[in-house]
Amino acid sequence: MTGPPTGPHDDAELVARSIEEPEAFAGLYDRHAPEIHRYAARRLGEGAADDITADTFLAAFRARHRYDTARRSARPWLYGIAANLIGKHRRGEERALRALARTGRDPVADSWSEHVDERIAARAPLAAALARLSPGDRHVLLLVAWADLGYQEVAEALGIPLGTVRSRLNRARRKVREALGADPTFTPDAMELTSSWTK
């Protein structure tokens, strides 16, 4: 078994190099911006996602001298910055989720492809359940489901203990299951809870 990758393709190396060679930071942007943008778009819509992505990398660039280069992957760090910025847009996100719950229309998904009526109708209860979650619980659930982060990565991204990630995720899953009328003993993965929205 080998350790974390090193060299010019390693995130920590790119961040460290960017202190003296700011243009090296572009490698980090190229590697992670598309997935940060997709995550922000799912949370806030395309227009806000552009701003969130730009602001995430601007904040990361400005804070790069404080980056812990022992962390070879910058992915949790970048998602943490994005989550904080999304938190500032929380009211807009909650309004969008409530609108989706009322109308069954997801303007983000609708811009990607046309959806059949059943799939749109299936999103409304999930949107309502997500809107009722606390911001912290929603961040954890969606970082696991939509950003595909592991528990440790979520803990790093949000700057919270691993136990807090587990308890928030458990609580969020339980509340979403209850809101969707699922058997309370059923414990699906967070991805399964949101799969109808991401297809």
Protein backbone atom coordinates (compact mmCIF):
# COMPACT_ATOMS: atom_id res chain seq x y z
CA MET A 1 0.00 0.00 0.00
CA THR A 2 1.35 3.42 -0.89
CA GLY A 3 0.88 6.74 0.83
CA PRO A 4 -0.86 9.79 -0.60
CA PRO A 5 0.34 10.81 -4.04
CA THR A 6 3.09 13.39 -4.19
CA GLY A 7 4.48 15.56 -6.93
CA PRO A 8 2.99 18.15 -9.27
CA HIS A 9 -0.38 16.35 -9.54
CA ASP A 10 -0.97 16.39 -5.79
CA ASP A 11 -3.35 19.10 -4.48
CA ALA A 12 -1.12 19.97 -1.54
CA GLU A 13 1.84 20.37 -3.88
CA LEU A 14 -0.17 22.67 -6.16
CA VAL A 15 -1.24 24.84 -3.23
CA ALA A 16 2.32 24.99 -1.88
CA ARG A 17 3.73 25.87 -5.31
CA SER A 18 1.10 28.58 -5.76
CA ILE A 19 2.62 30.58 -2.88
CA GLU A 20 5.62 31.40 -5.08
CA GLU A 21 3.98 30.72 -8.44
CA PRO A 22 0.35 31.94 -8.22
CA GLU A 23 -0.44 30.51 -11.67
CA ALA A 24 0.02 26.98 -10.24
CA PHE A 25 -3.29 27.45 -8.41
CA ALA A 26 -5.04 27.14 -11.79
CA GLY A 27 -4.34 23.39 -11.63
CA LEU A 28 -6.45 23.14 -8.50
CA TYR A 29 -9.23 25.10 -10.19
CA ASP A 30 -9.11 22.91 -13.28
CA ARG A 31 -9.29 19.76 -11.17
CA HIS A 32 -12.10 20.71 -8.76
CA ALA A 33 -14.16 23.60 -10.18
CA PRO A 34 -16.57 21.44 -12.25
CA GLU A 35 -17.65 19.34 -9.26
CA ILE A 36 -17.89 22.37 -6.94
CA HIS A 37 -20.05 24.06 -9.58
CA ARG A 38 -22.32 21.00 -9.96
CA TYR A 39 -22.79 20.80 -6.19
CA ALA A 40 -23.56 24.53 -5.88
CA ALA A 41 -25.97 24.32 -8.83
CA ARG A 42 -27.89 21.51 -7.16
CA ARG A 43 -28.12 23.58 -3.98
CA LEU A 44 -28.82 27.07 -5.37
CA GLY A 45 -29.30 26.98 -9.15
CA GLU A 46 -27.01 27.75 -12.08
CA GLY A 47 -26.75 31.52 -11.61
CA ALA A 48 -25.72 31.29 -7.98
CA ALA A 49 -23.44 28.33 -8.74
CA ASP A 50 -21.28 30.50 -10.98
CA ASP A 51 -20.83 32.99 -8.15
CA ILE A 52 -20.30 30.31 -5.48
CA THR A 53 -17.66 28.56 -7.59
CA ALA A 54 -15.80 31.79 -8.33
CA ASP A 55 -16.00 32.92 -4.70
CA THR A 56 -14.88 29.49 -3.45
CA PHE A 57 -11.69 29.58 -5.48
CA LEU A 58 -11.06 33.24 -4.75
CA ALA A 59 -11.35 32.55 -1.01
CA ALA A 60 -9.15 29.46 -1.36
CA PHE A 61 -6.54 31.41 -3.31
CA ARG A 62 -6.48 34.14 -0.67
CA ALA A 63 -6.18 31.56 2.13
CA ARG A 64 -3.72 29.24 0.37
CA HIS A 65 -0.82 30.17 2.67
CA ARG A 66 -2.85 28.73 5.59
CA TYR A 67 -3.61 25.42 3.84
CA ASP A 68 -2.44 22.34 5.76
CA THR A 69 -0.22 20.59 3.20
CA ALA A 70 -0.43 17.38 5.25
CA ARG A 71 -3.86 17.05 3.65
CA ARG A 72 -2.96 15.80 0.20
CA SER A 73 -6.46 16.35 -1.22
CA ALA A 74 -7.91 19.86 -1.22
CA ARG A 75 -11.40 18.53 -2.00
CA PRO A 76 -12.79 18.70 1.58
CA TRP A 77 -11.23 22.15 2.08
CA LEU A 78 -12.86 23.47 -1.10
CA TYR A 79 -16.24 21.92 -0.26
CA GLY A 80 -15.99 23.48 3.20
CA ILE A 81 -15.49 26.92 1.68
CA ALA A 82 -18.36 26.30 -0.77
CA ALA A 83 -20.62 25.09 2.06
CA ASN A 84 -19.93 28.26 4.04
CA LEU A 85 -20.76 30.40 1.02
CA ILE A 86 -23.89 28.36 0.34
CA GLY A 87 -24.86 28.90 3.98
CA LYS A 88 -24.92 32.62 3.27
CA HIS A 89 -27.41 31.89 0.53
CA ARG A 90 -29.45 29.61 2.81
CA ARG A 91 -32.60 31.69 2.62
CA GLY A 92 -32.57 31.51 -1.15
CA GLU A 93 -32.03 27.78 -1.04
CA GLU A 94 -34.91 27.29 1.40
CA ARG A 95 -37.19 29.42 -0.78
CA ALA A 96 -36.22 27.33 -3.83
CA LEU A 97 -36.89 24.08 -1.97
CA ARG A 98 -40.28 25.35 -0.78
CA ALA A 99 -41.15 26.45 -4.32
CA LEU A 100 -40.16 23.04 -5.62
CA ALA A 101 -42.29 21.41 -2.91
CA ARG A 102 -45.27 23.56 -3.96
CA THR A 103 -44.91 23.36 -7.72
CA GLY A 104 -42.91 20.20 -8.35
CA ARG A 105 -40.67 22.15 -10.74
CA ASP A 106 -36.89 22.06 -10.33
CA PRO A 107 -35.52 24.85 -12.55
CA VAL A 108 -31.99 23.45 -12.29
CA ALA A 109 -32.96 19.97 -13.44
CA ASP A 110 -35.41 21.35 -16.00
CA SER A 111 -32.57 23.23 -17.65
CA TRP A 112 -30.70 19.92 -18.13
CA SER A 113 -33.48 17.86 -19.68
CA GLU A 114 -37.21 17.48 -19.91
CA HIS A 115 -38.77 15.35 -17.18
CA VAL A 116 -41.88 13.25 -17.12
CA ASP A 117 -44.66 14.26 -14.75
CA GLU A 118 -44.09 11.39 -12.31
CA ARG A 119 -40.43 12.30 -11.76
CA ILE A 120 -41.30 15.95 -11.17
CA ALA A 121 -44.07 15.03 -8.75
CA ALA A 122 -41.69 12.72 -6.87
CA ARG A 123 -39.34 15.64 -6.14
CA ALA A 124 -41.87 17.80 -4.31
CA PRO A 125 -42.02 15.78 -1.07
CA LEU A 126 -38.23 15.47 -1.00
CA ALA A 127 -37.82 19.21 -1.52
CA ALA A 128 -40.22 19.90 1.33
CA ALA A 129 -38.33 17.49 3.59
CA LEU A 130 -34.98 19.10 2.72
CA ALA A 131 -36.38 22.59 3.32
CA ARG A 132 -37.42 21.58 6.85
CA LEU A 133 -33.94 20.34 7.80
CA SER A 134 -31.65 22.59 9.80
CA PRO A 135 -28.88 24.15 7.68
CA GLY A 136 -26.24 21.97 9.40
CA ASP A 137 -28.17 18.76 8.82
CA ARG A 138 -28.89 19.73 5.20
CA HIS A 139 -25.19 20.51 4.57
CA VAL A 140 -24.12 17.11 5.87
CA LEU A 141 -26.80 15.16 4.00
CA LEU A 142 -26.17 16.90 0.67
CA LEU A 143 -22.36 16.77 0.94
CA VAL A 144 -22.71 13.00 1.32
CA ALA A 145 -25.45 12.59 -1.31
CA TRP A 146 -24.57 15.14 -3.99
CA ALA A 147 -20.85 15.78 -3.48
CA ASP A 148 -20.15 12.11 -2.68
CA LEU A 149 -17.91 13.04 0.26
CA GLY A 150 -17.10 10.45 2.91
CA TYR A 151 -17.84 11.11 6.58
CA GLN A 152 -14.26 12.18 7.33
CA GLU A 153 -14.23 14.50 4.32
CA VAL A 154 -17.51 16.09 5.47
CA ALA A 155 -16.01 16.58 8.93
CA GLU A 156 -12.98 18.30 7.37
CA ALA A 157 -15.12 20.35 4.99
CA LEU A 158 -17.40 21.70 7.72
CA GLY A 159 -14.82 21.81 10.51
CA ILE A 160 -16.91 19.60 12.79
CA PRO A 161 -16.13 16.36 14.65
CA LEU A 162 -16.74 13.05 12.91
CA GLY A 163 -19.33 12.14 15.56
CA THR A 164 -21.27 15.30 14.73
CA VAL A 165 -21.29 14.31 11.05
CA ARG A 166 -22.70 10.90 11.97
CA SER A 167 -25.38 12.31 14.28
CA ARG A 168 -26.44 15.02 11.81
CA LEU A 169 -26.60 12.54 8.95
CA ASN A 170 -28.59 10.09 11.05
CA ARG A 171 -31.01 12.83 12.12
CA ALA A 172 -31.36 14.16 8.55
CA ARG A 173 -32.01 10.69 7.14
CA ARG A 174 -34.60 9.98 9.84
CA LYS A 175 -36.43 13.27 9.21
CA VAL A 176 -36.41 12.80 5.45
CA ARG A 177 -37.67 9.20 5.79
CA GLU A 178 -40.46 10.36 8.11
CA ALA A 179 -41.42 13.19 5.76
CA LEU A 180 -41.51 10.76 2.83
CA GLY A 181 -43.59 8.30 4.82
CA ALA A 182 -40.93 5.57 4.78
CA ASP A 183 -40.67 2.83 7.37
CA PRO A 184 -38.68 4.38 10.25
CA THR A 185 -36.57 1.22 10.56
CA PHE A 186 -35.45 1.56 6.94
CA THR A 187 -31.95 3.07 6.76
CA PRO A 188 -31.10 3.87 3.15
CA ASP A 189 -27.97 5.66 2.13
CA ALA A 190 -28.35 9.40 1.65
CA MET A 191 -27.84 8.91 -2.10
CA GLU A 192 -30.92 6.69 -2.26
CA LEU A 193 -32.96 9.39 -0.52
CA THR A 194 -32.09 11.91 -3.21
CA SER A 195 -31.71 9.68 -6.26
CA SER A 196 -34.98 10.83 -7.83
CA TRP A 197 -33.63 14.35 -7.93
CA THR A 198 -30.26 13.59 -9.46
CA LYS A 199 -31.29 11.26 -12.29
